Amino acid sequence: PTLFWDLEGKGETQSFTITVDHDSPISVTEITCTSQQFEYDLEVVKPGWEYRIAVTPIHVKERAFGLLRIKNDCEFKKYGSAQGFMVIRVPKKSG
């Protein structure tokens, strides 16, 4: 998923929800971000089954792009990580 903020707009917190669709629980083990422009916070909604990651830009005065890498303890290596994207962009023109 991708979260968007408008340049010079409101830098309000937005969030990703991660829901585990597996026979057994999977835990988030590590989160890293490629940009210092964004702060993030992991909330465990239902341990092993549901997580929420809240993301807040430090400011929205310049364009920015960030990638969150979310690692987990899934037994299948190809499902061992997920990604989320964050973008501060020039607002789309309406009309």
PDB file of N, CA and C in Angstrom:
ATOM      1  N   PRO A   1       0.822  -1.205   0.000  1.00  0.00           N
ATOM      2  CA  PRO A   1       0.000   0.000   0.000  1.00  0.00           C
ATOM      3  C   PRO A   1       0.863   1.264   0.000  1.00  0.00           C
ATOM      4  N   THR A   2       0.271   2.348  -0.413  1.00  0.00           N
ATOM      5  CA  THR A   2       0.968   3.634  -0.455  1.00  0.00           C
ATOM      6  C   THR A   2       0.137   4.692   0.266  1.00  0.00           C
ATOM      7  N   LEU A   3       0.808   5.456   1.117  1.00  0.00           N
ATOM      8  CA  LEU A   3       0.180   6.586   1.798  1.00  0.00           C
ATOM      9  C   LEU A   3       0.653   7.861   1.117  1.00  0.00           C
ATOM     10  N   PHE A   4      -0.276   8.801   0.896  1.00  0.00           N
ATOM     11  CA  PHE A   4       0.049  10.056   0.225  1.00  0.00           C
ATOM     12  C   PHE A   4      -0.279  11.246   1.114  1.00  0.00           C
ATOM     13  N   TRP A   5       0.595  12.266   1.044  1.00  0.00           N
ATOM     14  CA  TRP A   5       0.342  13.563   1.653  1.00  0.00           C
ATOM     15  C   TRP A   5       0.580  14.613   0.583  1.00  0.00           C
ATOM     16  N   ASP A   6      -0.186  15.703   0.636  1.00  0.00           N
ATOM     17  CA  ASP A   6       0.011  16.799  -0.303  1.00  0.00           C
ATOM     18  C   ASP A   6       1.085  17.749   0.211  1.00  0.00           C
ATOM     19  N   LEU A   7       1.933  18.195  -0.699  1.00  0.00           N
ATOM     20  CA  LEU A   7       2.952  19.181  -0.395  1.00  0.00           C
ATOM     21  C   LEU A   7       2.276  20.432   0.157  1.00  0.00           C
ATOM     22  N   GLU A   8       2.781  20.952   1.266  1.00  0.00           N
ATOM     23  CA  GLU A   8       2.225  22.120   1.957  1.00  0.00           C
ATOM     24  C   GLU A   8       0.813  21.872   2.505  1.00  0.00           C
ATOM     25  N   GLY A   9       0.405  20.609   2.578  1.00  0.00           N
ATOM     26  CA  GLY A   9      -0.918  20.264   3.106  1.00  0.00           C
ATOM     27  C   GLY A   9      -0.839  19.912   4.580  1.00  0.00           C
ATOM     28  N   LYS A  10      -1.786  19.114   5.015  1.00  0.00           N
ATOM     29  CA  LYS A  10      -1.811  18.664   6.401  1.00  0.00           C
ATOM     30  C   LYS A  10      -0.921  17.430   6.535  1.00  0.00           C
ATOM     31  N   GLY A  11      -0.047  17.453   7.492  1.00  0.00           N
ATOM     32  CA  GLY A  11       0.848  16.321   7.721  1.00  0.00           C
ATOM     33  C   GLY A  11       0.295  15.373   8.762  1.00  0.00           C
ATOM     34  N   GLU A  12      -0.970  15.026   8.618  1.00  0.00           N
ATOM     35  CA  GLU A  12      -1.632  14.186   9.620  1.00  0.00           C
ATOM     36  C   GLU A  12      -1.163  12.737   9.534  1.00  0.00           C
ATOM     37  N   THR A  13      -1.262  12.050  10.647  1.00  0.00           N
ATOM     38  CA  THR A  13      -0.898  10.639  10.718  1.00  0.00           C
ATOM     39  C   THR A  13      -1.859   9.801   9.881  1.00  0.00           C
ATOM     40  N   GLN A  14      -1.297   8.874   9.125  1.00  0.00           N
ATOM     41  CA  GLN A  14      -2.071   7.886   8.372  1.00  0.00           C
ATOM     42  C   GLN A  14      -1.543   6.512   8.769  1.00  0.00           C
ATOM     43  N   SER A  15      -2.284   5.455   8.426  1.00  0.00           N
ATOM     44  CA  SER A  15      -1.816   4.138   8.857  1.00  0.00           C
ATOM     45  C   SER A  15      -2.060   3.037   7.835  1.00  0.00           C
ATOM     46  N   PHE A  16      -1.221   2.004   7.945  1.00  0.00           N
ATOM     47  CA  PHE A  16      -1.367   0.746   7.225  1.00  0.00           C
ATOM     48  C   PHE A  16      -1.917  -0.260   8.222  1.00  0.00           C
ATOM     49  N   THR A  17      -2.773  -1.158   7.782  1.00  0.00           N
ATOM     50  CA  THR A  17      -3.188  -2.279   8.620  1.00  0.00           C
ATOM     51  C   THR A  17      -2.677  -3.554   7.973  1.00  0.00           C
ATOM     52  N   ILE A  18      -2.063  -4.400   8.767  1.00  0.00           N
ATOM     53  CA  ILE A  18      -1.557  -5.685   8.293  1.00  0.00           C
ATOM     54  C   ILE A  18      -2.379  -6.767   8.963  1.00  0.00           C
ATOM     55  N   THR A  19      -3.025  -7.596   8.152  1.00  0.00           N
ATOM     56  CA  THR A  19      -3.829  -8.700   8.667  1.00  0.00           C
ATOM     57  C   THR A  19      -3.198 -10.007   8.197  1.00  0.00           C
ATOM     58  N   VAL A  20      -2.949 -10.911   9.110  1.00  0.00           N
ATOM     59  CA  VAL A  20      -2.326 -12.197   8.789  1.00  0.00           C
ATOM     60  C   VAL A  20      -3.387 -13.154   8.263  1.00  0.00           C
ATOM     61  N   ASP A  21      -3.148 -13.672   7.056  1.00  0.00           N
ATOM     62  CA  ASP A  21      -4.040 -14.648   6.432  1.00  0.00           C
ATOM     63  C   ASP A  21      -3.254 -15.954   6.310  1.00  0.00           C
ATOM     64  N   HIS A  22      -3.109 -16.639   7.441  1.00  0.00           N
ATOM     65  CA  HIS A  22      -2.289 -17.851   7.520  1.00  0.00           C
ATOM     66  C   HIS A  22      -2.877 -18.744   8.607  1.00  0.00           C
ATOM     67  N   ASP A  23      -2.511 -20.017   8.586  1.00  0.00           N
ATOM     68  CA  ASP A  23      -3.031 -20.970   9.576  1.00  0.00           C
ATOM     69  C   ASP A  23      -2.506 -20.721  10.983  1.00  0.00           C
ATOM     70  N   SER A  24      -1.320 -20.146  11.074  1.00  0.00           N
ATOM     71  CA  SER A  24      -0.732 -19.887  12.387  1.00  0.00           C
ATOM     72  C   SER A  24      -0.318 -18.416  12.467  1.00  0.00           C
ATOM     73  N   PRO A  25      -0.169 -17.904  13.681  1.00  0.00           N
ATOM     74  CA  PRO A  25       0.162 -16.483  13.842  1.00  0.00           C
ATOM     75  C   PRO A  25       1.547 -16.140  13.289  1.00  0.00           C
ATOM     76  N   ILE A  26       1.684 -14.901  12.849  1.00  0.00           N
ATOM     77  CA  ILE A  26       2.953 -14.383  12.340  1.00  0.00           C
ATOM     78  C   ILE A  26       3.219 -13.056  13.051  1.00  0.00           C
ATOM     79  N   SER A  27       4.428 -12.918  13.566  1.00  0.00           N
ATOM     80  CA  SER A  27       4.784 -11.703  14.304  1.00  0.00           C
ATOM     81  C   SER A  27       5.667 -10.786  13.474  1.00  0.00           C
ATOM     82  N   VAL A  28       5.457  -9.494  13.615  1.00  0.00           N
ATOM     83  CA  VAL A  28       6.348  -8.505  13.018  1.00  0.00           C
ATOM     84  C   VAL A  28       7.612  -8.494  13.869  1.00  0.00           C
ATOM     85  N   THR A  29       8.767  -8.653  13.221  1.00  0.00           N
ATOM     86  CA  THR A  29      10.028  -8.722  13.960  1.00  0.00           C
ATOM     87  C   THR A  29      10.890  -7.473  13.820  1.00  0.00           C
ATOM     88  N   GLU A  30      10.698  -6.733  12.730  1.00  0.00           N
ATOM     89  CA  GLU A  30      11.533  -5.547  12.502  1.00  0.00           C
ATOM     90  C   GLU A  30      10.870  -4.639  11.469  1.00  0.00           C
ATOM     91  N   ILE A  31      11.003  -3.346  11.680  1.00  0.00           N
ATOM     92  CA  ILE A  31      10.547  -2.364  10.694  1.00  0.00           C
ATOM     93  C   ILE A  31      11.693  -1.387  10.469  1.00  0.00           C
ATOM     94  N   THR A  32      11.999  -1.134   9.198  1.00  0.00           N
ATOM     95  CA  THR A  32      12.997  -0.127   8.860  1.00  0.00           C
ATOM     96  C   THR A  32      12.394   0.818   7.825  1.00  0.00           C
ATOM     97  N   CYS A  33      12.913   2.032   7.801  1.00  0.00           N
ATOM     98  CA  CYS A  33      12.417   3.043   6.867  1.00  0.00           C
ATOM     99  C   CYS A  33      13.599   3.631   6.103  1.00  0.00           C
ATOM    100  N   THR A  34      13.406   3.869   4.813  1.00  0.00           N
ATOM    101  CA  THR A  34      14.477   4.409   3.977  1.00  0.00           C
ATOM    102  C   THR A  34      14.593   5.928   4.061  1.00  0.00           C
ATOM    103  N   SER A  35      13.669   6.588   4.737  1.00  0.00           N
ATOM    104  CA  SER A  35      13.674   8.052   4.790  1.00  0.00           C
ATOM    105  C   SER A  35      13.507   8.553   6.219  1.00  0.00           C
ATOM    106  N   GLN A  36      14.332   9.520   6.583  1.00  0.00           N
ATOM    107  CA  GLN A  36      14.203  10.138   7.908  1.00  0.00           C
ATOM    108  C   GLN A  36      13.082  11.165   7.934  1.00  0.00           C
ATOM    109  N   GLN A  37      12.416  11.358   6.812  1.00  0.00           N
ATOM    110  CA  GLN A  37      11.314  12.317   6.694  1.00  0.00           C
ATOM    111  C   GLN A  37      10.038  11.803   7.365  1.00  0.00           C
ATOM    112  N   PHE A  38       9.999  10.497   7.665  1.00  0.00           N
ATOM    113  CA  PHE A  38       8.787   9.886   8.212  1.00  0.00           C
ATOM    114  C   PHE A  38       9.076   9.197   9.545  1.00  0.00           C
ATOM    115  N   GLU A  39       8.169   9.392  10.495  1.00  0.00           N
ATOM    116  CA  GLU A  39       8.205   8.654  11.761  1.00  0.00           C
ATOM    117  C   GLU A  39       7.121   7.592  11.698  1.00  0.00           C
ATOM    118  N   TYR A  40       7.347   6.458  12.337  1.00  0.00           N
ATOM    119  CA  TYR A  40       6.356   5.380  12.314  1.00  0.00           C
ATOM    120  C   TYR A  40       6.265   4.730  13.688  1.00  0.00           C
ATOM    121  N   ASP A  41       5.119   4.117  13.929  1.00  0.00           N
ATOM    122  CA  ASP A  41       4.876   3.467  15.212  1.00  0.00           C
ATOM    123  C   ASP A  41       4.055   2.208  14.971  1.00  0.00           C
ATOM    124  N   LEU A  42       4.514   1.085  15.493  1.00  0.00           N
ATOM    125  CA  LEU A  42       3.811  -0.191  15.353  1.00  0.00           C
ATOM    126  C   LEU A  42       2.842  -0.381  16.508  1.00  0.00           C
ATOM    127  N   GLU A  43       1.596  -0.683  16.180  1.00  0.00           N
ATOM    128  CA  GLU A  43       0.585  -1.021  17.181  1.00  0.00           C
ATOM    129  C   GLU A  43       0.178  -2.473  16.957  1.00  0.00           C
ATOM    130  N   VAL A  44       0.280  -3.281  17.993  1.00  0.00           N
ATOM    131  CA  VAL A  44      -0.162  -4.671  17.913  1.00  0.00           C
ATOM    132  C   VAL A  44      -1.642  -4.685  18.279  1.00  0.00           C
ATOM    133  N   VAL A  45      -2.497  -4.910  17.286  1.00  0.00           N
ATOM    134  CA  VAL A  45      -3.940  -4.913  17.505  1.00  0.00           C
ATOM    135  C   VAL A  45      -4.364  -6.257  18.080  1.00  0.00           C
ATOM    136  N   LYS A  46      -3.925  -7.338  17.438  1.00  0.00           N
ATOM    137  CA  LYS A  46      -4.198  -8.704  17.891  1.00  0.00           C
ATOM    138  C   LYS A  46      -2.914  -9.495  17.656  1.00  0.00           C
ATOM    139  N   PRO A  47      -2.140  -9.782  18.714  1.00  0.00           N
ATOM    140  CA  PRO A  47      -0.824 -10.397  18.548  1.00  0.00           C
ATOM    141  C   PRO A  47      -0.849 -11.623  17.623  1.00  0.00           C
ATOM    142  N   GLY A  48       0.038 -11.578  16.620  1.00  0.00           N
ATOM    143  CA  GLY A  48       0.145 -12.679  15.672  1.00  0.00           C
ATOM    144  C   GLY A  48      -0.812 -12.601  14.502  1.00  0.00           C
ATOM    145  N   TRP A  49      -1.815 -11.727  14.589  1.00  0.00           N
ATOM    146  CA  TRP A  49      -2.867 -11.704  13.568  1.00  0.00           C
ATOM    147  C   TRP A  49      -3.150 -10.343  12.949  1.00  0.00           C
ATOM    148  N   GLU A  50      -2.987  -9.280  13.706  1.00  0.00           N
ATOM    149  CA  GLU A  50      -3.308  -7.959  13.150  1.00  0.00           C
ATOM    150  C   GLU A  50      -2.403  -6.882  13.752  1.00  0.00           C
ATOM    151  N   TYR A  51      -1.884  -6.038  12.851  1.00  0.00           N
ATOM    152  CA  TYR A  51      -0.972  -4.968  13.240  1.00  0.00           C
ATOM    153  C   TYR A  51      -1.367  -3.690  12.512  1.00  0.00           C
ATOM    154  N   ARG A  52      -1.066  -2.564  13.122  1.00  0.00           N
ATOM    155  CA  ARG A  52      -1.298  -1.272  12.483  1.00  0.00           C
ATOM    156  C   ARG A  52       0.002  -0.473  12.600  1.00  0.00           C
ATOM    157  N   ILE A  53       0.408   0.121  11.499  1.00  0.00           N
ATOM    158  CA  ILE A  53       1.599   0.966  11.501  1.00  0.00           C
ATOM    159  C   ILE A  53       1.158   2.386  11.171  1.00  0.00           C
ATOM    160  N   ALA A  54       1.317   3.271  12.142  1.00  0.00           N
ATOM    161  CA  ALA A  54       0.962   4.681  11.965  1.00  0.00           C
ATOM    162  C   ALA A  54       2.191   5.425  11.453  1.00  0.00           C
ATOM    163  N   VAL A  55       1.999   6.231  10.420  1.00  0.00           N
ATOM    164  CA  VAL A  55       3.103   6.968   9.801  1.00  0.00           C
ATOM    165  C   VAL A  55       2.770   8.459   9.808  1.00  0.00           C
ATOM    166  N   THR A  56       3.752   9.261  10.223  1.00  0.00           N
ATOM    167  CA  THR A  56       3.583  10.712  10.264  1.00  0.00           C
ATOM    168  C   THR A  56       4.799  11.369   9.617  1.00  0.00           C
ATOM    169  N   PRO A  57       4.583  12.249   8.646  1.00  0.00           N
ATOM    170  CA  PRO A  57       5.732  12.970   8.085  1.00  0.00           C
ATOM    171  C   PRO A  57       6.254  13.996   9.095  1.00  0.00           C
ATOM    172  N   ILE A  58       7.560  14.202   9.101  1.00  0.00           N
ATOM    173  CA  ILE A  58       8.164  15.216   9.973  1.00  0.00           C
ATOM    174  C   ILE A  58       7.616  16.593   9.590  1.00  0.00           C
ATOM    175  N   HIS A  59       7.532  16.849   8.283  1.00  0.00           N
ATOM    176  CA  HIS A  59       6.905  18.057   7.743  1.00  0.00           C
ATOM    177  C   HIS A  59       6.502  17.768   6.304  1.00  0.00           C
ATOM    178  N   VAL A  60       5.702  18.638   5.718  1.00  0.00           N
ATOM    179  CA  VAL A  60       5.266  18.468   4.326  1.00  0.00           C
ATOM    180  C   VAL A  60       5.679  19.690   3.491  1.00  0.00           C
ATOM    181  N   LYS A  61       6.850  20.245   3.794  1.00  0.00           N
ATOM    182  CA  LYS A  61       7.342  21.443   3.109  1.00  0.00           C
ATOM    183  C   LYS A  61       8.124  21.115   1.839  1.00  0.00           C
ATOM    184  N   GLU A  62       8.492  19.850   1.652  1.00  0.00           N
ATOM    185  CA  GLU A  62       9.199  19.436   0.442  1.00  0.00           C
ATOM    186  C   GLU A  62       8.766  18.033   0.060  1.00  0.00           C
ATOM    187  N   ARG A  63       8.921  17.724  -1.223  1.00  0.00           N
ATOM    188  CA  ARG A  63       8.523  16.398  -1.685  1.00  0.00           C
ATOM    189  C   ARG A  63       9.425  15.345  -1.048  1.00  0.00           C
ATOM    190  N   ALA A  64       8.859  14.173  -0.828  1.00  0.00           N
ATOM    191  CA  ALA A  64       9.630  13.096  -0.210  1.00  0.00           C
ATOM    192  C   ALA A  64       9.032  11.749  -0.589  1.00  0.00           C
ATOM    193  N   PHE A  65       9.867  10.723  -0.498  1.00  0.00           N
ATOM    194  CA  PHE A  65       9.451   9.349  -0.749  1.00  0.00           C
ATOM    195  C   PHE A  65      10.105   8.477   0.307  1.00  0.00           C
ATOM    196  N   GLY A  66       9.357   7.520   0.820  1.00  0.00           N
ATOM    197  CA  GLY A  66       9.913   6.597   1.796  1.00  0.00           C
ATOM    198  C   GLY A  66       9.372   5.200   1.596  1.00  0.00           C
ATOM    199  N   LEU A  67      10.154   4.233   2.012  1.00  0.00           N
ATOM    200  CA  LEU A  67       9.779   2.825   1.938  1.00  0.00           C
ATOM    201  C   LEU A  67       9.917   2.219   3.323  1.00  0.00           C
ATOM    202  N   LEU A  68       8.853   1.589   3.801  1.00  0.00           N
ATOM    203  CA  LEU A  68       8.916   0.825   5.047  1.00  0.00           C
ATOM    204  C   LEU A  68       9.126  -0.638   4.686  1.00  0.00           C
ATOM    205  N   ARG A  69      10.115  -1.262   5.294  1.00  0.00           N
ATOM    206  CA  ARG A  69      10.317  -2.701   5.143  1.00  0.00           C
ATOM    207  C   ARG A  69       9.871  -3.346   6.446  1.00  0.00           C
ATOM    208  N   ILE A  70       8.919  -4.248   6.324  1.00  0.00           N
ATOM    209  CA  ILE A  70       8.322  -4.879   7.492  1.00  0.00           C
ATOM    210  C   ILE A  70       8.686  -6.358   7.462  1.00  0.00           C
ATOM    211  N   LYS A  71       9.554  -6.779   8.371  1.00  0.00           N
ATOM    212  CA  LYS A  71       9.985  -8.177   8.419  1.00  0.00           C
ATOM    213  C   LYS A  71       9.160  -8.924   9.452  1.00  0.00           C
ATOM    214  N   ASN A  72       8.992 -10.232   9.204  1.00  0.00           N
ATOM    215  CA  ASN A  72       8.198 -11.052  10.116  1.00  0.00           C
ATOM    216  C   ASN A  72       8.827 -12.428  10.266  1.00  0.00           C
ATOM    217  N   ASP A  73       8.210 -13.261  11.090  1.00  0.00           N
ATOM    218  CA  ASP A  73       8.755 -14.595  11.361  1.00  0.00           C
ATOM    219  C   ASP A  73       8.016 -15.708  10.617  1.00  0.00           C
ATOM    220  N   CYS A  74       7.474 -15.408   9.446  1.00  0.00           N
ATOM    221  CA  CYS A  74       6.784 -16.425   8.655  1.00  0.00           C
ATOM    222  C   CYS A  74       7.768 -17.529   8.272  1.00  0.00           C
ATOM    223  N   GLU A  75       7.308 -18.767   8.338  1.00  0.00           N
ATOM    224  CA  GLU A  75       8.165 -19.908   8.019  1.00  0.00           C
ATOM    225  C   GLU A  75       8.526 -19.972   6.531  1.00  0.00           C
ATOM    226  N   PHE A  76       7.759 -19.326   5.677  1.00  0.00           N
ATOM    227  CA  PHE A  76       8.025 -19.319   4.241  1.00  0.00           C
ATOM    228  C   PHE A  76       8.799 -18.049   3.882  1.00  0.00           C
ATOM    229  N   LYS A  77      10.034 -18.228   3.415  1.00  0.00           N
ATOM    230  CA  LYS A  77      10.932 -17.096   3.189  1.00  0.00           C
ATOM    231  C   LYS A  77      10.342 -16.032   2.256  1.00  0.00           C
ATOM    232  N   LYS A  78       9.631 -16.458   1.213  1.00  0.00           N
ATOM    233  CA  LYS A  78       9.115 -15.472   0.257  1.00  0.00           C
ATOM    234  C   LYS A  78       8.041 -14.566   0.861  1.00  0.00           C
ATOM    235  N   TYR A  79       7.480 -14.961   1.996  1.00  0.00           N
ATOM    236  CA  TYR A  79       6.492 -14.129   2.693  1.00  0.00           C
ATOM    237  C   TYR A  79       7.082 -13.474   3.945  1.00  0.00           C
ATOM    238  N   GLY A  80       8.398 -13.517   4.067  1.00  0.00           N
ATOM    239  CA  GLY A  80       9.073 -13.032   5.265  1.00  0.00           C
ATOM    240  C   GLY A  80       9.170 -11.526   5.405  1.00  0.00           C
ATOM    241  N   SER A  81       8.714 -10.803   4.384  1.00  0.00           N
ATOM    242  CA  SER A  81       8.726  -9.345   4.500  1.00  0.00           C
ATOM    243  C   SER A  81       7.634  -8.742   3.626  1.00  0.00           C
ATOM    244  N   ALA A  82       7.286  -7.527   3.961  1.00  0.00           N
ATOM    245  CA  ALA A  82       6.294  -6.767   3.196  1.00  0.00           C
ATOM    246  C   ALA A  82       6.814  -5.336   3.103  1.00  0.00           C
ATOM    247  N   GLN A  83       6.200  -4.550   2.225  1.00  0.00           N
ATOM    248  CA  GLN A  83       6.626  -3.172   2.057  1.00  0.00           C
ATOM    249  C   GLN A  83       5.433  -2.235   2.041  1.00  0.00           C
ATOM    250  N   GLY A  84       5.665  -1.042   2.506  1.00  0.00           N
ATOM    251  CA  GLY A  84       4.679   0.028   2.417  1.00  0.00           C
ATOM    252  C   GLY A  84       5.404   1.278   1.948  1.00  0.00           C
ATOM    253  N   PHE A  85       4.722   2.113   1.202  1.00  0.00           N
ATOM    254  CA  PHE A  85       5.335   3.303   0.628  1.00  0.00           C
ATOM    255  C   PHE A  85       4.661   4.563   1.159  1.00  0.00           C
ATOM    256  N   MET A  86       5.445   5.638   1.249  1.00  0.00           N
ATOM    257  CA  MET A  86       4.941   6.931   1.680  1.00  0.00           C
ATOM    258  C   MET A  86       5.443   7.989   0.708  1.00  0.00           C
ATOM    259  N   VAL A  87       4.544   8.897   0.306  1.00  0.00           N
ATOM    260  CA  VAL A  87       4.898   9.917  -0.678  1.00  0.00           C
ATOM    261  C   VAL A  87       4.309  11.267  -0.267  1.00  0.00           C
ATOM    262  N   ILE A  88       5.163  12.286  -0.267  1.00  0.00           N
ATOM    263  CA  ILE A  88       4.687  13.668  -0.160  1.00  0.00           C
ATOM    264  C   ILE A  88       4.794  14.227  -1.572  1.00  0.00           C
ATOM    265  N   ARG A  89       3.663  14.625  -2.143  1.00  0.00           N
ATOM    266  CA  ARG A  89       3.615  14.969  -3.566  1.00  0.00           C
ATOM    267  C   ARG A  89       2.970  16.328  -3.800  1.00  0.00           C
ATOM    268  N   VAL A  90       3.185  16.837  -5.003  1.00  0.00           N
ATOM    269  CA  VAL A  90       2.494  18.049  -5.434  1.00  0.00           C
ATOM    270  C   VAL A  90       1.016  17.688  -5.541  1.00  0.00           C
ATOM    271  N   PRO A  91       0.122  18.489  -4.960  1.00  0.00           N
ATOM    272  CA  PRO A  91      -1.311  18.147  -4.984  1.00  0.00           C
ATOM    273  C   PRO A  91      -1.840  17.998  -6.407  1.00  0.00           C
ATOM    274  N   LYS A  92      -2.739  17.040  -6.583  1.00  0.00           N
ATOM    275  CA  LYS A  92      -3.396  16.872  -7.877  1.00  0.00           C
ATOM    276  C   LYS A  92      -4.356  18.032  -8.083  1.00  0.00           C
ATOM    277  N   LYS A  93      -4.400  18.531  -9.309  1.00  0.00           N
ATOM    278  CA  LYS A  93      -5.324  19.626  -9.618  1.00  0.00           C
ATOM    279  C   LYS A  93      -6.730  19.066  -9.729  1.00  0.00           C
ATOM    280  N   SER A  94      -7.678  19.746  -9.113  1.00  0.00           N
ATOM    281  CA  SER A  94      -9.072  19.288  -9.189  1.00  0.00           C
ATOM    282  C   SER A  94      -9.727  19.868 -10.433  1.00  0.00           C
ATOM    283  N   GLY A  95     -10.698  19.093 -10.959  1.00  0.00           N
ATOM    284  CA  GLY A  95     -11.443  19.584 -12.107  1.00  0.00           C
ATOM    285  C   GLY A  95     -10.947  18.952 -13.313  1.00  0.00           C
TER     286      GLY A  95
END
